[in-house]
Amino acid sequence: MEKFTENELINTIVEAIEDKKGKDIVSLDLSGFDGAICSHFVVCNADSTTQVAAIADGIEEKVFEKLGEHAWRVEGQQMALWIAMDYLDVVVHIFQTELRGFYKLEELWADAPMKRYEYEE
């Protein structure tokens, strides 16, 4: 039984990304799509592999600290060019900036409702 809501998970993830100065944070609501692997994507980018890795570590720490949840699976940590973190209903994509532009994940899901997160540095 889940101890927290999907929104609490998304907000905790976004907070962790902001803490590590992740850029251009968006969430995509995929719940209306048949065959989508999850109900939400959270996407962000960073300018270096070091920062991509730090964001992933920060998300793991904050989500466990606040919600007691671990990612079910994390891919891409070795190269830290694109790290995907699977929290079942929410999948986080942390890109190195150039790769985000190359893969254009948001364009693949252009029909999905998108929320942008703005924060002051």
C-alpha atoms as a PDB file:
ATOM      1  CA  MET A   1       0.000   0.000   0.000  1.00  0.00           C
ATOM      2  CA  GLU A   2       1.376   3.375  -1.029  1.00  0.00           C
ATOM      3  CA  LYS A   3       2.072   5.767   1.840  1.00  0.00           C
ATOM      4  CA  PHE A   4       2.173   8.924  -0.285  1.00  0.00           C
ATOM      5  CA  THR A   5       0.467  10.392  -3.327  1.00  0.00           C
ATOM      6  CA  GLU A   6       1.862  10.646  -6.827  1.00  0.00           C
ATOM      7  CA  ASN A   7       1.916  14.441  -6.450  1.00  0.00           C
ATOM      8  CA  GLU A   8       3.947  14.190  -3.245  1.00  0.00           C
ATOM      9  CA  LEU A   9       6.455  12.000  -5.089  1.00  0.00           C
ATOM     10  CA  ILE A  10       6.661  14.392  -8.059  1.00  0.00           C
ATOM     11  CA  ASN A  11       7.032  17.431  -5.795  1.00  0.00           C
ATOM     12  CA  THR A  12       9.773  15.708  -3.777  1.00  0.00           C
ATOM     13  CA  ILE A  13      11.626  14.794  -6.978  1.00  0.00           C
ATOM     14  CA  VAL A  14      11.323  18.364  -8.315  1.00  0.00           C
ATOM     15  CA  GLU A  15      12.576  19.751  -4.974  1.00  0.00           C
ATOM     16  CA  ALA A  16      15.626  17.480  -5.154  1.00  0.00           C
ATOM     17  CA  ILE A  17      16.337  18.560  -8.743  1.00  0.00           C
ATOM     18  CA  GLU A  18      16.061  22.225  -7.747  1.00  0.00           C
ATOM     19  CA  ASP A  19      18.414  21.637  -4.804  1.00  0.00           C
ATOM     20  CA  LYS A  20      21.088  20.477  -7.283  1.00  0.00           C
ATOM     21  CA  LYS A  21      20.353  23.301  -9.768  1.00  0.00           C
ATOM     22  CA  GLY A  22      18.818  21.071 -12.453  1.00  0.00           C
ATOM     23  CA  LYS A  23      17.511  23.021 -15.442  1.00  0.00           C
ATOM     24  CA  ASP A  24      14.248  23.202 -17.403  1.00  0.00           C
ATOM     25  CA  ILE A  25      12.265  20.898 -15.096  1.00  0.00           C
ATOM     26  CA  VAL A  26       8.973  19.605 -16.497  1.00  0.00           C
ATOM     27  CA  SER A  27       6.517  16.861 -15.676  1.00  0.00           C
ATOM     28  CA  LEU A  28       4.449  15.146 -18.336  1.00  0.00           C
ATOM     29  CA  ASP A  29       1.123  13.554 -17.417  1.00  0.00           C
ATOM     30  CA  LEU A  30       0.941  10.303 -19.384  1.00  0.00           C
ATOM     31  CA  SER A  31      -2.047   8.886 -17.494  1.00  0.00           C
ATOM     32  CA  GLY A  32      -4.377   9.427 -20.463  1.00  0.00           C
ATOM     33  CA  PHE A  33      -2.291   7.326 -22.858  1.00  0.00           C
ATOM     34  CA  ASP A  34      -2.939   3.624 -23.403  1.00  0.00           C
ATOM     35  CA  GLY A  35       0.298   1.676 -23.250  1.00  0.00           C
ATOM     36  CA  ALA A  36       2.316   4.356 -21.428  1.00  0.00           C
ATOM     37  CA  ILE A  37       4.861   2.705 -19.130  1.00  0.00           C
ATOM     38  CA  CYS A  38       4.038   5.038 -16.239  1.00  0.00           C
ATOM     39  CA  SER A  39       1.649   7.857 -15.380  1.00  0.00           C
ATOM     40  CA  HIS A  40       4.249  10.682 -15.235  1.00  0.00           C
ATOM     41  CA  PHE A  41       7.664  11.586 -16.557  1.00  0.00           C
ATOM     42  CA  VAL A  42       9.758  14.190 -14.769  1.00  0.00           C
ATOM     43  CA  VAL A  43      12.447  15.557 -17.097  1.00  0.00           C
ATOM     44  CA  CYS A  44      15.376  17.891 -16.461  1.00  0.00           C
ATOM     45  CA  ASN A  45      18.898  18.533 -17.677  1.00  0.00           C
ATOM     46  CA  ALA A  46      22.312  19.599 -16.404  1.00  0.00           C
ATOM     47  CA  ASP A  47      25.455  20.842 -18.125  1.00  0.00           C
ATOM     48  CA  SER A  48      27.900  18.187 -16.881  1.00  0.00           C
ATOM     49  CA  THR A  49      27.915  14.469 -16.164  1.00  0.00           C
ATOM     50  CA  THR A  50      29.002  15.302 -12.611  1.00  0.00           C
ATOM     51  CA  GLN A  51      25.859  17.384 -12.118  1.00  0.00           C
ATOM     52  CA  VAL A  52      23.631  14.744 -13.780  1.00  0.00           C
ATOM     53  CA  ALA A  53      24.970  12.169 -11.297  1.00  0.00           C
ATOM     54  CA  ALA A  54      24.584  14.597  -8.365  1.00  0.00           C
ATOM     55  CA  ILE A  55      20.935  15.236  -9.283  1.00  0.00           C
ATOM     56  CA  ALA A  56      20.226  11.485  -9.388  1.00  0.00           C
ATOM     57  CA  ASP A  57      21.913  11.002  -6.000  1.00  0.00           C
ATOM     58  CA  GLY A  58      19.977  13.962  -4.585  1.00  0.00           C
ATOM     59  CA  ILE A  59      16.669  12.533  -5.795  1.00  0.00           C
ATOM     60  CA  GLU A  60      17.430   9.136  -4.247  1.00  0.00           C
ATOM     61  CA  GLU A  61      18.356  10.730  -0.918  1.00  0.00           C
ATOM     62  CA  LYS A  62      15.413  13.142  -0.708  1.00  0.00           C
ATOM     63  CA  VAL A  63      12.741  10.663  -1.836  1.00  0.00           C
ATOM     64  CA  PHE A  64      13.973   8.089   0.685  1.00  0.00           C
ATOM     65  CA  GLU A  65      14.311  10.694   3.455  1.00  0.00           C
ATOM     66  CA  LYS A  66      10.835  12.225   2.933  1.00  0.00           C
ATOM     67  CA  LEU A  67       8.819   9.278   1.608  1.00  0.00           C
ATOM     68  CA  GLY A  68      10.789   6.158   2.540  1.00  0.00           C
ATOM     69  CA  GLU A  69      10.845   4.985  -1.080  1.00  0.00           C
ATOM     70  CA  HIS A  70      13.711   3.701  -3.226  1.00  0.00           C
ATOM     71  CA  ALA A  71      13.793   3.778  -7.019  1.00  0.00           C
ATOM     72  CA  TRP A  72      12.910   0.339  -8.389  1.00  0.00           C
ATOM     73  CA  ARG A  73      15.530   0.670 -11.064  1.00  0.00           C
ATOM     74  CA  VAL A  74      18.150   3.250 -12.072  1.00  0.00           C
ATOM     75  CA  GLU A  75      19.846   3.154 -15.481  1.00  0.00           C
ATOM     76  CA  GLY A  76      22.679   5.202 -16.942  1.00  0.00           C
ATOM     77  CA  GLN A  77      24.708   5.987 -13.818  1.00  0.00           C
ATOM     78  CA  GLN A  78      27.970   4.707 -15.312  1.00  0.00           C
ATOM     79  CA  MET A  79      28.151   7.349 -18.052  1.00  0.00           C
ATOM     80  CA  ALA A  80      25.782   9.911 -16.457  1.00  0.00           C
ATOM     81  CA  LEU A  81      24.744  11.277 -19.851  1.00  0.00           C
ATOM     82  CA  TRP A  82      21.104  10.243 -19.352  1.00  0.00           C
ATOM     83  CA  ILE A  83      19.986   8.720 -16.071  1.00  0.00           C
ATOM     84  CA  ALA A  84      16.516   7.185 -15.870  1.00  0.00           C
ATOM     85  CA  MET A  85      15.046   6.513 -12.424  1.00  0.00           C
ATOM     86  CA  ASP A  86      11.984   4.277 -12.171  1.00  0.00           C
ATOM     87  CA  TYR A  87       9.619   4.961  -9.272  1.00  0.00           C
ATOM     88  CA  LEU A  88       6.906   2.808 -10.964  1.00  0.00           C
ATOM     89  CA  ASP A  89       4.212   5.450 -11.594  1.00  0.00           C
ATOM     90  CA  VAL A  90       6.817   8.192 -12.046  1.00  0.00           C
ATOM     91  CA  VAL A  91       9.934   7.881 -14.200  1.00  0.00           C
ATOM     92  CA  VAL A  92      12.613  10.568 -13.899  1.00  0.00           C
ATOM     93  CA  HIS A  93      14.859  11.438 -16.864  1.00  0.00           C
ATOM     94  CA  ILE A  94      17.997  13.457 -16.102  1.00  0.00           C
ATOM     95  CA  PHE A  95      19.810  14.423 -19.290  1.00  0.00           C
ATOM     96  CA  GLN A  96      23.079  16.083 -20.037  1.00  0.00           C
ATOM     97  CA  THR A  97      21.901  19.243 -21.826  1.00  0.00           C
ATOM     98  CA  GLU A  98      23.015  18.298 -25.379  1.00  0.00           C
ATOM     99  CA  LEU A  99      21.394  14.856 -25.155  1.00  0.00           C
ATOM    100  CA  ARG A 100      18.074  16.279 -24.050  1.00  0.00           C
ATOM    101  CA  GLY A 101      18.047  18.406 -27.174  1.00  0.00           C
ATOM    102  CA  PHE A 102      18.953  15.360 -29.265  1.00  0.00           C
ATOM    103  CA  TYR A 103      16.332  12.941 -27.888  1.00  0.00           C
ATOM    104  CA  LYS A 104      13.512  15.525 -27.595  1.00  0.00           C
ATOM    105  CA  LEU A 105      11.550  13.365 -25.147  1.00  0.00           C
ATOM    106  CA  GLU A 106       8.903  16.044 -24.639  1.00  0.00           C
ATOM    107  CA  GLU A 107       8.206  16.125 -28.389  1.00  0.00           C
ATOM    108  CA  LEU A 108       7.557  12.378 -28.405  1.00  0.00           C
ATOM    109  CA  TRP A 109       4.816  13.006 -25.842  1.00  0.00           C
ATOM    110  CA  ALA A 110       3.705  16.375 -27.237  1.00  0.00           C
ATOM    111  CA  ASP A 111       0.009  15.608 -26.574  1.00  0.00           C
ATOM    112  CA  ALA A 112       0.637  15.004 -22.863  1.00  0.00           C
ATOM    113  CA  PRO A 113      -0.282  17.773 -20.426  1.00  0.00           C
ATOM    114  CA  MET A 114       2.979  19.410 -19.316  1.00  0.00           C
ATOM    115  CA  LYS A 115       3.801  21.348 -16.164  1.00  0.00           C
ATOM    116  CA  ARG A 116       6.911  23.525 -16.023  1.00  0.00           C
ATOM    117  CA  TYR A 117       8.661  24.213 -12.733  1.00  0.00           C
ATOM    118  CA  GLU A 118      10.287  27.605 -12.397  1.00  0.00           C
ATOM    119  CA  TYR A 119      12.526  28.543  -9.511  1.00  0.00           C
ATOM    120  CA  GLU A 120      14.677  31.478  -8.579  1.00  0.00           C
ATOM    121  CA  GLU A 121      18.403  30.865  -8.313  1.00  0.00           C
END
